Amino acid sequence: MLSKAERLLFIRELGRLQKELKKCSDNQLRNAIHQDILLLRKVLSMTARK
């Protein structure tokens, strides 16, 4: 289980990556950013408090 601080850090990083994805024109870099976004979303969904 993630702490509240860790969860907020992941959410903040997710937002930063999404902004970078919108600005990026290099396909290889876009793919890497997209994979990072998917990974963070998975972590957040797996650790969601129910």
PDB file of N, CA and C in Angstrom:
ATOM      1  N   MET A   1       0.850  -1.174   0.000  1.00  0.00           N
ATOM      2  CA  MET A   1       0.000   0.000   0.000  1.00  0.00           C
ATOM      3  C   MET A   1       0.894   1.235   0.000  1.00  0.00           C
ATOM      4  N   LEU A   2       0.574   2.160  -0.862  1.00  0.00           N
ATOM      5  CA  LEU A   2       1.313   3.418  -0.931  1.00  0.00           C
ATOM      6  C   LEU A   2       0.859   4.352   0.174  1.00  0.00           C
ATOM      7  N   SER A   3       1.793   5.139   0.665  1.00  0.00           N
ATOM      8  CA  SER A   3       1.421   6.183   1.612  1.00  0.00           C
ATOM      9  C   SER A   3       0.734   7.300   0.830  1.00  0.00           C
ATOM     10  N   LYS A   4       0.085   8.195   1.548  1.00  0.00           N
ATOM     11  CA  LYS A   4      -0.591   9.317   0.895  1.00  0.00           C
ATOM     12  C   LYS A   4       0.417  10.176   0.132  1.00  0.00           C
ATOM     13  N   ALA A   5       1.588  10.396   0.722  1.00  0.00           N
ATOM     14  CA  ALA A   5       2.628  11.205   0.066  1.00  0.00           C
ATOM     15  C   ALA A   5       3.123  10.534  -1.214  1.00  0.00           C
ATOM     16  N   GLU A   6       3.313   9.225  -1.175  1.00  0.00           N
ATOM     17  CA  GLU A   6       3.766   8.500  -2.364  1.00  0.00           C
ATOM     18  C   GLU A   6       2.711   8.556  -3.460  1.00  0.00           C
ATOM     19  N   ARG A   7       1.462   8.377  -3.070  1.00  0.00           N
ATOM     20  CA  ARG A   7       0.366   8.410  -4.038  1.00  0.00           C
ATOM     21  C   ARG A   7       0.295   9.786  -4.715  1.00  0.00           C
ATOM     22  N   LEU A   8       0.423  10.841  -3.925  1.00  0.00           N
ATOM     23  CA  LEU A   8       0.400  12.199  -4.484  1.00  0.00           C
ATOM     24  C   LEU A   8       1.576  12.426  -5.421  1.00  0.00           C
ATOM     25  N   LEU A   9       2.724  11.878  -5.073  1.00  0.00           N
ATOM     26  CA  LEU A   9       3.901  12.004  -5.934  1.00  0.00           C
ATOM     27  C   LEU A   9       3.665  11.326  -7.287  1.00  0.00           C
ATOM     28  N   PHE A  10       3.076  10.133  -7.267  1.00  0.00           N
ATOM     29  CA  PHE A  10       2.776   9.424  -8.512  1.00  0.00           C
ATOM     30  C   PHE A  10       1.753  10.200  -9.348  1.00  0.00           C
ATOM     31  N   ILE A  11       0.751  10.762  -8.697  1.00  0.00           N
ATOM     32  CA  ILE A  11      -0.270  11.525  -9.417  1.00  0.00           C
ATOM     33  C   ILE A  11       0.351  12.773 -10.052  1.00  0.00           C
ATOM     34  N   ARG A  12       1.215  13.450  -9.317  1.00  0.00           N
ATOM     35  CA  ARG A  12       1.894  14.631  -9.844  1.00  0.00           C
ATOM     36  C   ARG A  12       2.767  14.267 -11.043  1.00  0.00           C
ATOM     37  N   GLU A  13       3.483  13.161 -10.933  1.00  0.00           N
ATOM     38  CA  GLU A  13       4.343  12.708 -12.028  1.00  0.00           C
ATOM     39  C   GLU A  13       3.506  12.314 -13.240  1.00  0.00           C
ATOM     40  N   LEU A  14       2.373  11.704 -13.008  1.00  0.00           N
ATOM     41  CA  LEU A  14       1.476  11.334 -14.101  1.00  0.00           C
ATOM     42  C   LEU A  14       1.037  12.580 -14.872  1.00  0.00           C
ATOM     43  N   GLY A  15       0.678  13.627 -14.163  1.00  0.00           N
ATOM     44  CA  GLY A  15       0.288  14.878 -14.811  1.00  0.00           C
ATOM     45  C   GLY A  15       1.431  15.483 -15.610  1.00  0.00           C
ATOM     46  N   ARG A  16       2.645  15.450 -15.045  1.00  0.00           N
ATOM     47  CA  ARG A  16       3.809  15.988 -15.744  1.00  0.00           C
ATOM     48  C   ARG A  16       4.079  15.211 -17.025  1.00  0.00           C
ATOM     49  N   LEU A  17       3.974  13.893 -16.949  1.00  0.00           N
ATOM     50  CA  LEU A  17       4.201  13.058 -18.132  1.00  0.00           C
ATOM     51  C   LEU A  17       3.149  13.316 -19.208  1.00  0.00           C
ATOM     52  N   GLN A  18       1.912  13.513 -18.800  1.00  0.00           N
ATOM     53  CA  GLN A  18       0.856  13.786 -19.772  1.00  0.00           C
ATOM     54  C   GLN A  18       1.102  15.106 -20.496  1.00  0.00           C
ATOM     55  N   LYS A  19       1.598  16.107 -19.784  1.00  0.00           N
ATOM     56  CA  LYS A  19       1.939  17.382 -20.419  1.00  0.00           C
ATOM     57  C   LYS A  19       3.091  17.200 -21.396  1.00  0.00           C
ATOM     58  N   GLU A  20       4.093  16.438 -20.993  1.00  0.00           N
ATOM     59  CA  GLU A  20       5.239  16.176 -21.865  1.00  0.00           C
ATOM     60  C   GLU A  20       4.814  15.422 -23.119  1.00  0.00           C
ATOM     61  N   LEU A  21       3.907  14.477 -22.966  1.00  0.00           N
ATOM     62  CA  LEU A  21       3.426  13.701 -24.108  1.00  0.00           C
ATOM     63  C   LEU A  21       2.771  14.606 -25.145  1.00  0.00           C
ATOM     64  N   LYS A  22       1.993  15.574 -24.689  1.00  0.00           N
ATOM     65  CA  LYS A  22       1.320  16.495 -25.602  1.00  0.00           C
ATOM     66  C   LYS A  22       2.311  17.349 -26.387  1.00  0.00           C
ATOM     67  N   LYS A  23       3.434  17.707 -25.758  1.00  0.00           N
ATOM     68  CA  LYS A  23       4.418  18.583 -26.403  1.00  0.00           C
ATOM     69  C   LYS A  23       5.412  17.832 -27.282  1.00  0.00           C
ATOM     70  N   CYS A  24       5.546  16.537 -27.084  1.00  0.00           N
ATOM     71  CA  CYS A  24       6.604  15.761 -27.722  1.00  0.00           C
ATOM     72  C   CYS A  24       6.249  15.423 -29.182  1.00  0.00           C
ATOM     73  N   SER A  25       7.234  15.595 -30.059  1.00  0.00           N
ATOM     74  CA  SER A  25       7.014  15.275 -31.469  1.00  0.00           C
ATOM     75  C   SER A  25       7.820  14.056 -31.918  1.00  0.00           C
ATOM     76  N   ASP A  26       8.736  13.582 -31.100  1.00  0.00           N
ATOM     77  CA  ASP A  26       9.562  12.420 -31.429  1.00  0.00           C
ATOM     78  C   ASP A  26       8.799  11.138 -31.077  1.00  0.00           C
ATOM     79  N   ASN A  27       8.526  10.311 -32.086  1.00  0.00           N
ATOM     80  CA  ASN A  27       7.714   9.113 -31.874  1.00  0.00           C
ATOM     81  C   ASN A  27       8.311   8.132 -30.874  1.00  0.00           C
ATOM     82  N   GLN A  28       9.605   7.955 -30.901  1.00  0.00           N
ATOM     83  CA  GLN A  28      10.240   7.019 -29.977  1.00  0.00           C
ATOM     84  C   GLN A  28      10.119   7.523 -28.535  1.00  0.00           C
ATOM     85  N   LEU A  29      10.334   8.799 -28.339  1.00  0.00           N
ATOM     86  CA  LEU A  29      10.209   9.389 -27.014  1.00  0.00           C
ATOM     87  C   LEU A  29       8.755   9.387 -26.557  1.00  0.00           C
ATOM     88  N   ARG A  30       7.844   9.672 -27.474  1.00  0.00           N
ATOM     89  CA  ARG A  30       6.404   9.626 -27.145  1.00  0.00           C
ATOM     90  C   ARG A  30       6.010   8.240 -26.660  1.00  0.00           C
ATOM     91  N   ASN A  31       6.527   7.215 -27.317  1.00  0.00           N
ATOM     92  CA  ASN A  31       6.213   5.853 -26.917  1.00  0.00           C
ATOM     93  C   ASN A  31       6.739   5.565 -25.509  1.00  0.00           C
ATOM     94  N   ALA A  32       7.945   6.012 -25.219  1.00  0.00           N
ATOM     95  CA  ALA A  32       8.530   5.799 -23.890  1.00  0.00           C
ATOM     96  C   ALA A  32       7.708   6.523 -22.819  1.00  0.00           C
ATOM     97  N   ILE A  33       7.311   7.751 -23.114  1.00  0.00           N
ATOM     98  CA  ILE A  33       6.489   8.507 -22.164  1.00  0.00           C
ATOM     99  C   ILE A  33       5.149   7.810 -21.966  1.00  0.00           C
ATOM    100  N   HIS A  34       4.561   7.348 -23.053  1.00  0.00           N
ATOM    101  CA  HIS A  34       3.275   6.650 -22.975  1.00  0.00           C
ATOM    102  C   HIS A  34       3.392   5.385 -22.109  1.00  0.00           C
ATOM    103  N   GLN A  35       4.462   4.639 -22.265  1.00  0.00           N
ATOM    104  CA  GLN A  35       4.673   3.434 -21.447  1.00  0.00           C
ATOM    105  C   GLN A  35       4.800   3.796 -19.972  1.00  0.00           C
ATOM    106  N   ASP A  36       5.474   4.896 -19.672  1.00  0.00           N
ATOM    107  CA  ASP A  36       5.592   5.360 -18.284  1.00  0.00           C
ATOM    108  C   ASP A  36       4.231   5.741 -17.717  1.00  0.00           C
ATOM    109  N   ILE A  37       3.412   6.388 -18.539  1.00  0.00           N
ATOM    110  CA  ILE A  37       2.064   6.764 -18.111  1.00  0.00           C
ATOM    111  C   ILE A  37       1.246   5.518 -17.790  1.00  0.00           C
ATOM    112  N   LEU A  38       1.316   4.526 -18.671  1.00  0.00           N
ATOM    113  CA  LEU A  38       0.575   3.287 -18.433  1.00  0.00           C
ATOM    114  C   LEU A  38       1.026   2.603 -17.149  1.00  0.00           C
ATOM    115  N   LEU A  39       2.328   2.597 -16.905  1.00  0.00           N
ATOM    116  CA  LEU A  39       2.867   1.978 -15.697  1.00  0.00           C
ATOM    117  C   LEU A  39       2.373   2.705 -14.449  1.00  0.00           C
ATOM    118  N   LEU A  40       2.427   4.025 -14.455  1.00  0.00           N
ATOM    119  CA  LEU A  40       1.952   4.782 -13.296  1.00  0.00           C
ATOM    120  C   LEU A  40       0.459   4.575 -13.062  1.00  0.00           C
ATOM    121  N   ARG A  41      -0.317   4.543 -14.128  1.00  0.00           N
ATOM    122  CA  ARG A  41      -1.757   4.293 -13.979  1.00  0.00           C
ATOM    123  C   ARG A  41      -2.009   2.918 -13.363  1.00  0.00           C
ATOM    124  N   LYS A  42      -1.225   1.932 -13.788  1.00  0.00           N
ATOM    125  CA  LYS A  42      -1.375   0.588 -13.247  1.00  0.00           C
ATOM    126  C   LYS A  42      -1.045   0.560 -11.755  1.00  0.00           C
ATOM    127  N   VAL A  43       0.054   1.214 -11.384  1.00  0.00           N
ATOM    128  CA  VAL A  43       0.434   1.275  -9.975  1.00  0.00           C
ATOM    129  C   VAL A  43      -0.659   1.935  -9.156  1.00  0.00           C
ATOM    130  N   LEU A  44      -1.164   3.063  -9.644  1.00  0.00           N
ATOM    131  CA  LEU A  44      -2.206   3.769  -8.920  1.00  0.00           C
ATOM    132  C   LEU A  44      -3.494   2.945  -8.807  1.00  0.00           C
ATOM    133  N   SER A  45      -3.847   2.243  -9.854  1.00  0.00           N
ATOM    134  CA  SER A  45      -5.072   1.441  -9.799  1.00  0.00           C
ATOM    135  C   SER A  45      -4.908   0.223  -8.884  1.00  0.00           C
ATOM    136  N   MET A  46      -3.708  -0.342  -8.855  1.00  0.00           N
ATOM    137  CA  MET A  46      -3.471  -1.517  -8.013  1.00  0.00           C
ATOM    138  C   MET A  46      -3.417  -1.151  -6.530  1.00  0.00           C
ATOM    139  N   THR A  47      -3.084   0.080  -6.237  1.00  0.00           N
ATOM    140  CA  THR A  47      -2.932   0.497  -4.845  1.00  0.00           C
ATOM    141  C   THR A  47      -4.078   1.392  -4.377  1.00  0.00           C
ATOM    142  N   ALA A  48      -5.135   1.485  -5.181  1.00  0.00           N
ATOM    143  CA  ALA A  48      -6.258   2.325  -4.813  1.00  0.00           C
ATOM    144  C   ALA A  48      -6.902   1.813  -3.539  1.00  0.00           C
ATOM    145  N   ARG A  49      -7.242   2.752  -2.683  1.00  0.00           N
ATOM    146  CA  ARG A  49      -7.931   2.376  -1.445  1.00  0.00           C
ATOM    147  C   ARG A  49      -9.382   2.089  -1.765  1.00  0.00           C
ATOM    148  N   LYS A  50      -9.873   1.016  -1.232  1.00  0.00           N
ATOM    149  CA  LYS A  50     -11.252   0.617  -1.514  1.00  0.00           C
ATOM    150  C   LYS A  50     -12.119   0.768  -0.297  1.00  0.00           C
TER     151      LYS A  50
END
